[in-house]
Protein backbone atom coordinates (compact mmCIF):
# COMPACT_ATOMS: atom_id res chain seq x y z
CA MET A 1 85.19 42.50 153.39
CA LYS A 2 82.08 43.61 155.17
CA LYS A 3 83.81 42.98 158.49
CA GLN A 4 86.81 45.08 157.51
CA LEU A 5 84.51 47.91 156.30
CA PHE A 6 82.64 47.78 159.68
CA TYR A 7 85.90 48.14 161.59
CA PHE A 8 87.01 50.94 159.31
CA ILE A 9 83.84 52.89 159.92
CA LEU A 10 84.00 52.26 163.68
CA LEU A 11 87.60 53.54 163.71
CA GLY A 12 86.58 56.64 161.81
CA LEU A 13 83.70 57.37 164.25
CA PHE A 14 86.05 56.98 167.20
CA LEU A 15 88.63 59.37 165.78
CA PHE A 16 85.99 61.97 164.91
CA TYR A 17 84.24 61.64 168.31
CA LYS A 18 87.41 61.91 170.38
CA PRO A 19 88.39 65.50 169.32
CA SER A 20 84.73 66.59 169.47
CA PHE A 21 84.41 65.24 172.99
CA SER A 22 87.72 66.89 174.03
CA GLN A 23 86.54 70.28 172.58
CA GLU A 24 83.20 69.93 174.42
CA LEU A 25 84.96 69.07 177.62
CA LYS A 26 87.36 72.06 177.16
CA ASN A 27 84.37 74.40 176.55
CA GLU A 28 82.60 73.06 179.71
CA ASN A 29 85.80 73.59 181.81
CA SER A 30 86.13 77.14 180.42
CA ILE A 31 82.52 78.01 181.18
CA GLU A 32 82.84 76.55 184.75
CA LYS A 33 86.06 78.52 185.23
CA ASN A 34 84.32 81.74 184.12
CA HIS A 35 81.44 81.09 186.49
CA LYS A 36 83.90 80.61 189.36
CA ILE A 37 85.64 83.89 188.50
CA VAL A 38 82.35 85.75 188.37
CA ALA A 39 81.16 84.14 191.64
CA HIS A 40 84.46 85.04 193.30
CA LYS A 41 84.13 88.57 192.12
CA ASN A 42 80.54 88.93 193.22
CA GLU A 43 81.49 87.50 196.67
CA HIS A 44 83.73 90.50 197.27
CA PHE A 45 81.59 93.25 195.75
CA LYS A 46 78.57 94.13 197.89
CA LYS A 47 76.34 97.14 197.46
CA HIS A 48 75.91 98.00 201.13
CA ALA A 49 78.40 98.61 204.00
CA ILE A 50 77.92 99.61 207.63
CA SER A 51 81.00 100.57 209.57
CA PHE A 52 82.02 101.49 213.08
CA VAL A 53 85.08 103.67 213.65
CA ILE A 54 87.04 104.53 216.83
CA SER A 55 89.10 107.69 216.47
CA HIS A 56 90.90 110.64 218.04
CA THR A 57 90.09 114.17 217.03
CA TYR A 58 92.79 116.91 217.13
CA LEU A 59 92.09 120.62 217.58
CA LYS A 60 94.84 123.25 217.54
CA THR A 61 92.56 126.05 218.74
CA GLY A 62 91.40 124.42 222.01
CA ILE A 63 91.46 126.08 225.37
CA LYS A 64 92.33 124.34 228.65
CA ASP A 65 91.84 125.86 232.11
CA ASP A 66 91.73 129.41 230.70
CA SER A 67 95.44 129.22 229.90
CA GLY A 68 95.14 130.20 226.23
CA ASP A 69 95.32 128.24 223.03
CA SER A 70 96.19 124.54 223.32
CA PHE A 71 96.37 121.50 221.16
CA LEU A 72 93.41 119.20 222.16
CA THR A 73 93.14 115.46 221.65
CA LEU A 74 89.59 114.22 222.05
CA PRO A 75 88.16 110.71 221.83
CA SER A 76 85.45 110.14 219.17
CA PHE A 77 83.65 107.45 217.24
CA ALA A 78 81.56 107.13 214.11
CA ILE A 79 78.82 105.04 212.65
CA ASN A 80 78.70 105.15 208.81
CA TYR A 81 76.58 103.68 206.01
CA ASN A 82 77.77 103.51 202.38
CA TYR A 83 75.91 102.42 199.21
CA ASN A 84 78.38 101.18 196.59
CA PHE A 85 77.39 101.95 193.01
CA ASN A 86 80.36 99.83 191.77
CA GLU A 87 83.87 99.02 192.94
CA LYS A 88 85.07 102.60 192.65
CA TRP A 89 82.21 104.87 193.66
CA ALA A 90 80.01 105.05 196.76
CA LEU A 91 77.68 107.49 198.51
CA GLY A 92 77.31 107.39 202.25
CA TRP A 93 75.80 108.90 205.40
CA HIS A 94 78.53 109.41 208.00
CA ASN A 95 77.85 110.26 211.67
CA ASP A 96 80.56 111.21 214.16
CA ILE A 97 80.49 112.23 217.81
CA ILE A 98 83.22 113.72 220.06
CA ILE A 99 82.49 112.24 223.44
CA GLU A 100 83.89 115.18 225.52
CA GLU A 101 82.82 118.77 226.12
CA PHE A 102 85.43 121.31 225.19
CA VAL A 103 86.08 125.00 224.37
CA VAL A 104 87.84 126.41 221.34
CA SER A 105 88.90 129.84 220.19
CA ASP A 106 86.55 131.51 217.72
CA SER A 107 89.01 131.49 214.81
CA GLY A 108 86.22 131.91 212.27
CA SER A 109 84.75 135.23 213.49
CA HIS A 110 83.70 137.95 211.09
CA GLU A 111 85.63 141.11 210.63
CA SER A 112 83.35 143.11 212.93
CA GLU A 113 83.80 140.51 215.66
CA ASN A 114 87.63 140.71 215.24
CA VAL A 115 87.44 144.43 215.71
CA PHE A 116 85.39 143.91 218.87
CA LYS A 117 87.99 141.45 220.20
CA SER A 118 90.80 143.86 219.55
CA GLU A 119 89.01 146.75 221.17
CA THR A 120 88.03 144.80 224.32
CA ASN A 121 91.25 142.73 224.42
CA GLU A 122 89.13 139.59 224.91
CA ASP A 123 89.18 136.37 222.97
CA LYS A 124 85.79 135.03 221.84
CA THR A 125 85.31 131.31 222.49
CA ILE A 126 83.04 128.53 221.31
CA ASP A 127 81.61 126.01 223.76
CA ARG A 128 80.99 122.50 222.37
CA GLY A 129 78.98 119.88 224.24
CA ARG A 130 79.68 116.50 222.75
CA PRO A 131 79.02 117.65 219.16
CA VAL A 132 77.59 115.26 216.60
CA SER A 133 78.61 115.64 212.92
CA SER A 134 76.32 114.23 210.17
CA ALA A 135 77.48 114.37 206.62
CA ILE A 136 76.74 113.06 203.14
CA MET A 137 79.98 111.68 201.72
CA LEU A 138 81.05 110.68 198.22
CA THR A 139 83.77 108.04 198.08
CA TYR A 140 86.11 107.37 195.11
CA LYS A 141 88.38 104.32 195.25
CA PRO A 142 91.05 104.50 192.54
CA LEU A 143 93.09 101.68 194.00
CA LYS A 144 92.27 98.50 195.99
CA HIS A 145 93.59 99.89 199.31
CA LEU A 146 92.95 103.62 198.82
CA ALA A 147 89.80 105.70 198.87
CA PHE A 148 89.24 109.48 198.72
CA LEU A 149 86.27 111.01 200.53
CA GLY A 150 84.53 114.34 200.16
CA GLY A 151 81.27 115.85 201.26
CA GLY A 152 79.50 118.02 203.80
CA GLY A 153 76.81 118.36 206.41
CA MET A 154 76.24 119.81 209.85
CA GLU A 155 77.81 119.65 213.29
CA PHE A 156 75.15 119.75 216.05
CA SER A 157 75.70 120.80 219.66
CA LYS A 158 73.50 122.08 222.52
CA HIS A 159 75.32 125.42 222.17
CA LYS A 160 75.34 126.14 218.44
CA ASP A 161 75.23 124.31 215.13
CA PHE A 162 77.73 124.73 212.27
CA ALA A 163 77.96 123.77 208.67
CA VAL A 164 80.81 121.29 207.90
CA VAL A 165 82.89 120.51 204.86
CA ARG A 166 84.72 117.19 205.10
CA LEU A 167 87.66 115.73 203.22
CA GLY A 168 89.30 112.39 203.94
CA LEU A 169 91.35 109.32 203.07
CA GLU A 170 90.66 105.65 203.87
CA ALA A 171 92.88 102.55 203.41
CA PRO A 172 90.52 99.48 203.38
CA PHE A 173 91.62 95.84 203.60
CA HIS A 174 89.18 92.97 202.80
CA ILE A 175 88.98 90.06 205.24
CA PRO A 176 86.90 86.85 205.01
CA ASN A 177 83.14 86.61 205.33
CA ASN A 178 82.55 90.03 203.73
CA TRP A 179 84.26 92.12 206.39
CA GLU A 180 86.64 95.04 205.92
CA ILE A 181 89.13 96.79 208.25
CA PHE A 182 90.38 100.24 207.44
CA GLY A 183 92.31 103.22 208.65
CA SER A 184 90.95 106.72 208.12
CA VAL A 185 92.02 110.35 208.16
CA LEU A 186 89.42 113.06 208.12
CA PHE A 187 89.73 116.83 207.93
CA ASP A 188 86.63 118.81 209.00
CA ILE A 189 86.21 122.49 208.20
CA ASN A 190 83.51 123.99 210.49
CA ILE A 191 82.28 127.08 208.67
CA ASN A 192 82.89 130.27 210.68
CA ALA A 193 84.14 128.18 213.61
CA TYR A 194 87.20 125.81 213.85
CA ASN A 195 88.88 123.00 212.00
CA SER A 196 89.65 119.49 213.25
CA LEU A 197 91.72 116.48 212.16
CA SER A 198 90.73 112.90 213.04
CA PHE A 199 92.65 109.61 212.80
CA GLY A 200 90.62 106.45 213.13
CA LEU A 201 90.52 102.69 212.86
CA GLY A 202 87.29 101.01 211.70
CA ILE A 203 85.59 97.77 210.77
CA ALA A 204 82.86 97.41 208.14
CA LYS A 205 80.31 94.70 207.35
CA LEU A 206 79.60 94.34 203.61
CA PHE A 207 76.21 92.95 202.48
């Protein structure tokens, strides 16, 4: 009788322990899975990004060989830094340089200057010697592969400096080892001067 009671108690402990052990194992697997998801997410989100962009800048008010207005295509590149607050918002310092000297029509002249041009029948021009633009940019990323940019700064040249308002779009794609490649479209409004449109291809290191 004692022997049968012992086996009965042993069977009860086994049946009770088995579901408890299964539940504990299930909880451990769930915790491990959540850790992996968080680790995977953290691997992609980095607070800092430094990027290099090769681009072409287009001007519709350029002047070539004193022949009048012309559509200029100029090589340019950029070095940018962004600080990511989260996966949607970032603040950055963007620096671009057009690596050629050029001349554009002064399309942003004041009214008095326009009167002067009409009276003298001469077009005013703006000389640019490899201008460097430096802007503080806010980035909003509503979708995984789409980002909107907006900000402003200054364009510096040996001839004259202008304030700049910049708007843009980027299409980023994540690649292994915390790198990104992206395409960009930027529209610069140089206050009281000229406007430009840039198309670029860049690569960024996230860290």
